[in-house]
Amino acid sequence: MQIHKELDTRGLNCPLPILKAKKALADMVSGEVLKVVSTDPGSLRDFQAFSRQTGNELLEQSQGAGEFVHVLKRR
């Protein structure tokens, strides 16, 4: 999978990872892929809800070593 932009939101808590992702996606074109790395455990459900509400596709979520990775495709 080709990642077009990566966003490091480690150390930030809700709603900052979502707000930064929203801003990054606004600067991308349809079909591009954004990877967001977070340390906020709540980001798992936050990005699921964000995807449903905005129509941006949540391609993948993973976690390990205290980090949560979210991969979104711009609608």
PDB file of N, CA and C in Angstrom:
ATOM      1  N   MET A   1       0.841  -1.179   0.000  1.00  0.00           N
ATOM      2  CA  MET A   1       0.000   0.000   0.000  1.00  0.00           C
ATOM      3  C   MET A   1       0.891   1.248   0.000  1.00  0.00           C
ATOM      4  N   GLN A   2       0.588   2.164  -0.877  1.00  0.00           N
ATOM      5  CA  GLN A   2       1.369   3.394  -0.962  1.00  0.00           C
ATOM      6  C   GLN A   2       0.798   4.439  -0.011  1.00  0.00           C
ATOM      7  N   ILE A   3       1.646   4.948   0.868  1.00  0.00           N
ATOM      8  CA  ILE A   3       1.267   6.010   1.798  1.00  0.00           C
ATOM      9  C   ILE A   3       1.710   7.338   1.184  1.00  0.00           C
ATOM     10  N   HIS A   4       0.774   8.264   1.028  1.00  0.00           N
ATOM     11  CA  HIS A   4       1.093   9.558   0.421  1.00  0.00           C
ATOM     12  C   HIS A   4       1.524  10.598   1.454  1.00  0.00           C
ATOM     13  N   LYS A   5       1.015  10.448   2.681  1.00  0.00           N
ATOM     14  CA  LYS A   5       1.364  11.403   3.734  1.00  0.00           C
ATOM     15  C   LYS A   5       1.305  10.672   5.066  1.00  0.00           C
ATOM     16  N   GLU A   6       2.258  10.997   5.956  1.00  0.00           N
ATOM     17  CA  GLU A   6       2.265  10.396   7.293  1.00  0.00           C
ATOM     18  C   GLU A   6       2.189  11.507   8.330  1.00  0.00           C
ATOM     19  N   LEU A   7       1.389  11.254   9.366  1.00  0.00           N
ATOM     20  CA  LEU A   7       1.140  12.244  10.400  1.00  0.00           C
ATOM     21  C   LEU A   7       1.515  11.640  11.750  1.00  0.00           C
ATOM     22  N   ASP A   8       2.378  12.314  12.489  1.00  0.00           N
ATOM     23  CA  ASP A   8       2.790  11.858  13.818  1.00  0.00           C
ATOM     24  C   ASP A   8       2.019  12.651  14.864  1.00  0.00           C
ATOM     25  N   THR A   9       1.090  11.975  15.557  1.00  0.00           N
ATOM     26  CA  THR A   9       0.313  12.648  16.602  1.00  0.00           C
ATOM     27  C   THR A   9       0.613  12.031  17.966  1.00  0.00           C
ATOM     28  N   ARG A  10       1.796  11.446  18.105  1.00  0.00           N
ATOM     29  CA  ARG A  10       2.189  10.848  19.393  1.00  0.00           C
ATOM     30  C   ARG A  10       2.170  11.923  20.482  1.00  0.00           C
ATOM     31  N   GLY A  11       1.619  11.563  21.637  1.00  0.00           N
ATOM     32  CA  GLY A  11       1.572  12.483  22.763  1.00  0.00           C
ATOM     33  C   GLY A  11       0.365  13.402  22.767  1.00  0.00           C
ATOM     34  N   LEU A  12      -0.409  13.378  21.697  1.00  0.00           N
ATOM     35  CA  LEU A  12      -1.611  14.219  21.625  1.00  0.00           C
ATOM     36  C   LEU A  12      -2.844  13.392  21.962  1.00  0.00           C
ATOM     37  N   ASN A  13      -3.773  13.998  22.691  1.00  0.00           N
ATOM     38  CA  ASN A  13      -5.012  13.307  23.042  1.00  0.00           C
ATOM     39  C   ASN A  13      -6.182  13.887  22.270  1.00  0.00           C
ATOM     40  N   CYS A  14      -7.275  13.146  22.272  1.00  0.00           N
ATOM     41  CA  CYS A  14      -8.508  13.529  21.597  1.00  0.00           C
ATOM     42  C   CYS A  14      -8.861  14.964  21.977  1.00  0.00           C
ATOM     43  N   PRO A  15      -9.256  15.769  21.057  1.00  0.00           N
ATOM     44  CA  PRO A  15      -9.552  15.511  19.646  1.00  0.00           C
ATOM     45  C   PRO A  15      -8.412  15.864  18.697  1.00  0.00           C
ATOM     46  N   LEU A  16      -7.228  16.160  19.206  1.00  0.00           N
ATOM     47  CA  LEU A  16      -6.149  16.659  18.344  1.00  0.00           C
ATOM     48  C   LEU A  16      -5.739  15.713  17.215  1.00  0.00           C
ATOM     49  N   PRO A  17      -5.591  14.394  17.445  1.00  0.00           N
ATOM     50  CA  PRO A  17      -5.239  13.529  16.299  1.00  0.00           C
ATOM     51  C   PRO A  17      -6.270  13.604  15.164  1.00  0.00           C
ATOM     52  N   ILE A  18      -7.550  13.646  15.522  1.00  0.00           N
ATOM     53  CA  ILE A  18      -8.611  13.742  14.511  1.00  0.00           C
ATOM     54  C   ILE A  18      -8.540  15.081  13.783  1.00  0.00           C
ATOM     55  N   LEU A  19      -8.368  16.156  14.532  1.00  0.00           N
ATOM     56  CA  LEU A  19      -8.314  17.493  13.911  1.00  0.00           C
ATOM     57  C   LEU A  19      -7.127  17.613  12.953  1.00  0.00           C
ATOM     58  N   LYS A  20      -5.982  17.075  13.356  1.00  0.00           N
ATOM     59  CA  LYS A  20      -4.802  17.121  12.483  1.00  0.00           C
ATOM     60  C   LYS A  20      -5.004  16.250  11.245  1.00  0.00           C
ATOM     61  N   ALA A  21      -5.657  15.100  11.422  1.00  0.00           N
ATOM     62  CA  ALA A  21      -5.934  14.218  10.278  1.00  0.00           C
ATOM     63  C   ALA A  21      -6.907  14.897   9.320  1.00  0.00           C
ATOM     64  N   LYS A  22      -7.917  15.552   9.867  1.00  0.00           N
ATOM     65  CA  LYS A  22      -8.903  16.249   9.035  1.00  0.00           C
ATOM     66  C   LYS A  22      -8.226  17.326   8.188  1.00  0.00           C
ATOM     67  N   LYS A  23      -7.318  18.080   8.807  1.00  0.00           N
ATOM     68  CA  LYS A  23      -6.590  19.130   8.093  1.00  0.00           C
ATOM     69  C   LYS A  23      -5.692  18.524   7.008  1.00  0.00           C
ATOM     70  N   ALA A  24      -5.004  17.439   7.338  1.00  0.00           N
ATOM     71  CA  ALA A  24      -4.116  16.789   6.364  1.00  0.00           C
ATOM     72  C   ALA A  24      -4.911  16.246   5.186  1.00  0.00           C
ATOM     73  N   LEU A  25      -6.055  15.621   5.460  1.00  0.00           N
ATOM     74  CA  LEU A  25      -6.882  15.065   4.387  1.00  0.00           C
ATOM     75  C   LEU A  25      -7.421  16.161   3.472  1.00  0.00           C
ATOM     76  N   ALA A  26      -7.694  17.319   4.034  1.00  0.00           N
ATOM     77  CA  ALA A  26      -8.215  18.437   3.233  1.00  0.00           C
ATOM     78  C   ALA A  26      -7.200  18.894   2.184  1.00  0.00           C
ATOM     79  N   ASP A  27      -5.915  18.680   2.465  1.00  0.00           N
ATOM     80  CA  ASP A  27      -4.852  19.090   1.537  1.00  0.00           C
ATOM     81  C   ASP A  27      -4.480  17.993   0.544  1.00  0.00           C
ATOM     82  N   MET A  28      -5.163  16.843   0.627  1.00  0.00           N
ATOM     83  CA  MET A  28      -4.852  15.705  -0.241  1.00  0.00           C
ATOM     84  C   MET A  28      -5.917  15.569  -1.325  1.00  0.00           C
ATOM     85  N   VAL A  29      -5.593  14.829  -2.378  1.00  0.00           N
ATOM     86  CA  VAL A  29      -6.571  14.601  -3.440  1.00  0.00           C
ATOM     87  C   VAL A  29      -7.254  13.254  -3.235  1.00  0.00           C
ATOM     88  N   SER A  30      -8.399  13.093  -3.849  1.00  0.00           N
ATOM     89  CA  SER A  30      -9.178  11.872  -3.719  1.00  0.00           C
ATOM     90  C   SER A  30      -8.343  10.640  -4.077  1.00  0.00           C
ATOM     91  N   GLY A  31      -8.416   9.622  -3.215  1.00  0.00           N
ATOM     92  CA  GLY A  31      -7.695   8.380  -3.458  1.00  0.00           C
ATOM     93  C   GLY A  31      -6.344   8.298  -2.775  1.00  0.00           C
ATOM     94  N   GLU A  32      -5.820   9.431  -2.302  1.00  0.00           N
ATOM     95  CA  GLU A  32      -4.534   9.400  -1.601  1.00  0.00           C
ATOM     96  C   GLU A  32      -4.714   8.800  -0.211  1.00  0.00           C
ATOM     97  N   VAL A  33      -3.603   8.273   0.338  1.00  0.00           N
ATOM     98  CA  VAL A  33      -3.652   7.537   1.598  1.00  0.00           C
ATOM     99  C   VAL A  33      -2.845   8.277   2.670  1.00  0.00           C
ATOM    100  N   LEU A  34      -3.475   8.415   3.845  1.00  0.00           N
ATOM    101  CA  LEU A  34      -2.867   9.082   4.995  1.00  0.00           C
ATOM    102  C   LEU A  34      -2.647   8.062   6.107  1.00  0.00           C
ATOM    103  N   LYS A  35      -1.445   8.061   6.669  1.00  0.00           N
ATOM    104  CA  LYS A  35      -1.124   7.203   7.819  1.00  0.00           C
ATOM    105  C   LYS A  35      -0.968   8.101   9.038  1.00  0.00           C
ATOM    106  N   VAL A  36      -1.697   7.766  10.111  1.00  0.00           N
ATOM    107  CA  VAL A  36      -1.636   8.544  11.347  1.00  0.00           C
ATOM    108  C   VAL A  36      -1.124   7.639  12.463  1.00  0.00           C
ATOM    109  N   VAL A  37      -0.074   8.081  13.158  1.00  0.00           N
ATOM    110  CA  VAL A  37       0.459   7.341  14.300  1.00  0.00           C
ATOM    111  C   VAL A  37       0.098   8.113  15.569  1.00  0.00           C
ATOM    112  N   SER A  38      -0.515   7.415  16.532  1.00  0.00           N
ATOM    113  CA  SER A  38      -1.002   8.046  17.750  1.00  0.00           C
ATOM    114  C   SER A  38      -0.627   7.210  18.971  1.00  0.00           C
ATOM    115  N   THR A  39      -0.632   7.847  20.136  1.00  0.00           N
ATOM    116  CA  THR A  39      -0.436   7.119  21.389  1.00  0.00           C
ATOM    117  C   THR A  39      -1.707   7.136  22.239  1.00  0.00           C
ATOM    118  N   ASP A  40      -2.764   7.727  21.723  1.00  0.00           N
ATOM    119  CA  ASP A  40      -4.038   7.824  22.438  1.00  0.00           C
ATOM    120  C   ASP A  40      -4.874   6.569  22.178  1.00  0.00           C
ATOM    121  N   PRO A  41      -5.124   5.742  23.223  1.00  0.00           N
ATOM    122  CA  PRO A  41      -5.919   4.517  23.032  1.00  0.00           C
ATOM    123  C   PRO A  41      -7.329   4.799  22.493  1.00  0.00           C
ATOM    124  N   GLY A  42      -7.873   5.954  22.820  1.00  0.00           N
ATOM    125  CA  GLY A  42      -9.197   6.322  22.343  1.00  0.00           C
ATOM    126  C   GLY A  42      -9.238   6.602  20.852  1.00  0.00           C
ATOM    127  N   SER A  43      -8.062   6.740  20.246  1.00  0.00           N
ATOM    128  CA  SER A  43      -8.019   7.053  18.814  1.00  0.00           C
ATOM    129  C   SER A  43      -8.578   5.909  17.968  1.00  0.00           C
ATOM    130  N   LEU A  44      -8.551   4.682  18.477  1.00  0.00           N
ATOM    131  CA  LEU A  44      -9.111   3.556  17.712  1.00  0.00           C
ATOM    132  C   LEU A  44     -10.576   3.811  17.386  1.00  0.00           C
ATOM    133  N   ARG A  45     -11.372   4.082  18.402  1.00  0.00           N
ATOM    134  CA  ARG A  45     -12.801   4.331  18.152  1.00  0.00           C
ATOM    135  C   ARG A  45     -13.039   5.697  17.513  1.00  0.00           C
ATOM    136  N   ASP A  46     -12.173   6.680  17.844  1.00  0.00           N
ATOM    137  CA  ASP A  46     -12.326   8.014  17.268  1.00  0.00           C
ATOM    138  C   ASP A  46     -12.177   7.987  15.746  1.00  0.00           C
ATOM    139  N   PHE A  47     -11.173   7.250  15.246  1.00  0.00           N
ATOM    140  CA  PHE A  47     -10.959   7.201  13.798  1.00  0.00           C
ATOM    141  C   PHE A  47     -12.033   6.367  13.096  1.00  0.00           C
ATOM    142  N   GLN A  48     -12.600   5.378  13.796  1.00  0.00           N
ATOM    143  CA  GLN A  48     -13.716   4.622  13.213  1.00  0.00           C
ATOM    144  C   GLN A  48     -14.916   5.540  13.020  1.00  0.00           C
ATOM    145  N   ALA A  49     -15.227   6.334  14.041  1.00  0.00           N
ATOM    146  CA  ALA A  49     -16.347   7.279  13.955  1.00  0.00           C
ATOM    147  C   ALA A  49     -16.064   8.365  12.914  1.00  0.00           C
ATOM    148  N   PHE A  50     -14.849   8.878  12.887  1.00  0.00           N
ATOM    149  CA  PHE A  50     -14.452   9.905  11.919  1.00  0.00           C
ATOM    150  C   PHE A  50     -14.653   9.395  10.486  1.00  0.00           C
ATOM    151  N   SER A  51     -14.258   8.159  10.251  1.00  0.00           N
ATOM    152  CA  SER A  51     -14.404   7.562   8.924  1.00  0.00           C
ATOM    153  C   SER A  51     -15.876   7.471   8.517  1.00  0.00           C
ATOM    154  N   ARG A  52     -16.703   7.003   9.431  1.00  0.00           N
ATOM    155  CA  ARG A  52     -18.142   6.891   9.142  1.00  0.00           C
ATOM    156  C   ARG A  52     -18.757   8.260   8.858  1.00  0.00           C
ATOM    157  N   GLN A  53     -18.369   9.264   9.629  1.00  0.00           N
ATOM    158  CA  GLN A  53     -18.976  10.591   9.515  1.00  0.00           C
ATOM    159  C   GLN A  53     -18.513  11.363   8.284  1.00  0.00           C
ATOM    160  N   THR A  54     -17.277  11.133   7.851  1.00  0.00           N
ATOM    161  CA  THR A  54     -16.722  11.939   6.761  1.00  0.00           C
ATOM    162  C   THR A  54     -16.715  11.235   5.411  1.00  0.00           C
ATOM    163  N   GLY A  55     -16.850   9.905   5.411  1.00  0.00           N
ATOM    164  CA  GLY A  55     -16.814   9.167   4.158  1.00  0.00           C
ATOM    165  C   GLY A  55     -15.408   8.812   3.698  1.00  0.00           C
ATOM    166  N   ASN A  56     -14.401   9.205   4.474  1.00  0.00           N
ATOM    167  CA  ASN A  56     -13.032   8.787   4.179  1.00  0.00           C
ATOM    168  C   ASN A  56     -12.888   7.344   4.643  1.00  0.00           C
ATOM    169  N   GLU A  57     -12.335   6.488   3.785  1.00  0.00           N
ATOM    170  CA  GLU A  57     -12.276   5.054   4.079  1.00  0.00           C
ATOM    171  C   GLU A  57     -11.154   4.728   5.063  1.00  0.00           C
ATOM    172  N   LEU A  58     -11.495   4.000   6.127  1.00  0.00           N
ATOM    173  CA  LEU A  58     -10.504   3.531   7.087  1.00  0.00           C
ATOM    174  C   LEU A  58      -9.991   2.193   6.575  1.00  0.00           C
ATOM    175  N   LEU A  59      -8.797   2.199   6.012  1.00  0.00           N
ATOM    176  CA  LEU A  59      -8.246   1.006   5.375  1.00  0.00           C
ATOM    177  C   LEU A  59      -7.680   0.023   6.383  1.00  0.00           C
ATOM    178  N   GLU A  60      -7.106   0.548   7.458  1.00  0.00           N
ATOM    179  CA  GLU A  60      -6.388  -0.327   8.390  1.00  0.00           C
ATOM    180  C   GLU A  60      -6.204   0.360   9.731  1.00  0.00           C
ATOM    181  N   GLN A  61      -6.254  -0.443  10.800  1.00  0.00           N
ATOM    182  CA  GLN A  61      -5.891   0.017  12.134  1.00  0.00           C
ATOM    183  C   GLN A  61      -5.046  -1.065  12.773  1.00  0.00           C
ATOM    184  N   SER A  62      -4.007  -0.663  13.479  1.00  0.00           N
ATOM    185  CA  SER A  62      -3.176  -1.635  14.188  1.00  0.00           C
ATOM    186  C   SER A  62      -2.629  -0.984  15.440  1.00  0.00           C
ATOM    187  N   GLN A  63      -2.173  -1.828  16.360  1.00  0.00           N
ATOM    188  CA  GLN A  63      -1.577  -1.301  17.575  1.00  0.00           C
ATOM    189  C   GLN A  63      -0.434  -2.191  18.019  1.00  0.00           C
ATOM    190  N   GLY A  64       0.508  -1.574  18.709  1.00  0.00           N
ATOM    191  CA  GLY A  64       1.657  -2.287  19.232  1.00  0.00           C
ATOM    192  C   GLY A  64       2.622  -1.322  19.872  1.00  0.00           C
ATOM    193  N   ALA A  65       3.259  -1.752  20.944  1.00  0.00           N
ATOM    194  CA  ALA A  65       4.255  -0.938  21.658  1.00  0.00           C
ATOM    195  C   ALA A  65       3.697   0.421  22.078  1.00  0.00           C
ATOM    196  N   GLY A  66       2.420   0.443  22.472  1.00  0.00           N
ATOM    197  CA  GLY A  66       1.821   1.690  22.942  1.00  0.00           C
ATOM    198  C   GLY A  66       1.471   2.683  21.856  1.00  0.00           C
ATOM    199  N   GLU A  67       1.555   2.244  20.602  1.00  0.00           N
ATOM    200  CA  GLU A  67       1.209   3.125  19.485  1.00  0.00           C
ATOM    201  C   GLU A  67       0.047   2.544  18.689  1.00  0.00           C
ATOM    202  N   PHE A  68      -0.721   3.428  18.126  1.00  0.00           N
ATOM    203  CA  PHE A  68      -1.888   3.061  17.328  1.00  0.00           C
ATOM    204  C   PHE A  68      -1.722   3.669  15.945  1.00  0.00           C
ATOM    205  N   VAL A  69      -1.880   2.829  14.928  1.00  0.00           N
ATOM    206  CA  VAL A  69      -1.681   3.297  13.550  1.00  0.00           C
ATOM    207  C   VAL A  69      -3.018   3.217  12.812  1.00  0.00           C
ATOM    208  N   HIS A  70      -3.364   4.292  12.151  1.00  0.00           N
ATOM    209  CA  HIS A  70      -4.611   4.397  11.398  1.00  0.00           C
ATOM    210  C   HIS A  70      -4.251   4.779   9.960  1.00  0.00           C
ATOM    211  N   VAL A  71      -4.827   4.066   9.006  1.00  0.00           N
ATOM    212  CA  VAL A  71      -4.564   4.350   7.595  1.00  0.00           C
ATOM    213  C   VAL A  71      -5.903   4.691   6.939  1.00  0.00           C
ATOM    214  N   LEU A  72      -5.984   5.904   6.420  1.00  0.00           N
ATOM    215  CA  LEU A  72      -7.223   6.403   5.817  1.00  0.00           C
ATOM    216  C   LEU A  72      -7.009   6.740   4.351  1.00  0.00           C
ATOM    217  N   LYS A  73      -8.053   6.495   3.563  1.00  0.00           N
ATOM    218  CA  LYS A  73      -8.034   6.844   2.141  1.00  0.00           C
ATOM    219  C   LYS A  73      -8.970   8.022   1.923  1.00  0.00           C
ATOM    220  N   ARG A  74      -8.451   9.064   1.327  1.00  0.00           N
ATOM    221  CA  ARG A  74      -9.233  10.285   1.072  1.00  0.00           C
ATOM    222  C   ARG A  74     -10.381   9.998   0.121  1.00  0.00           C
ATOM    223  N   ARG A  75     -11.562  10.438   0.475  1.00  0.00           N
ATOM    224  CA  ARG A  75     -12.740  10.209  -0.379  1.00  0.00           C
ATOM    225  C   ARG A  75     -12.706  11.090  -1.605  1.00  0.00           C
TER     226      ARG A  75
END
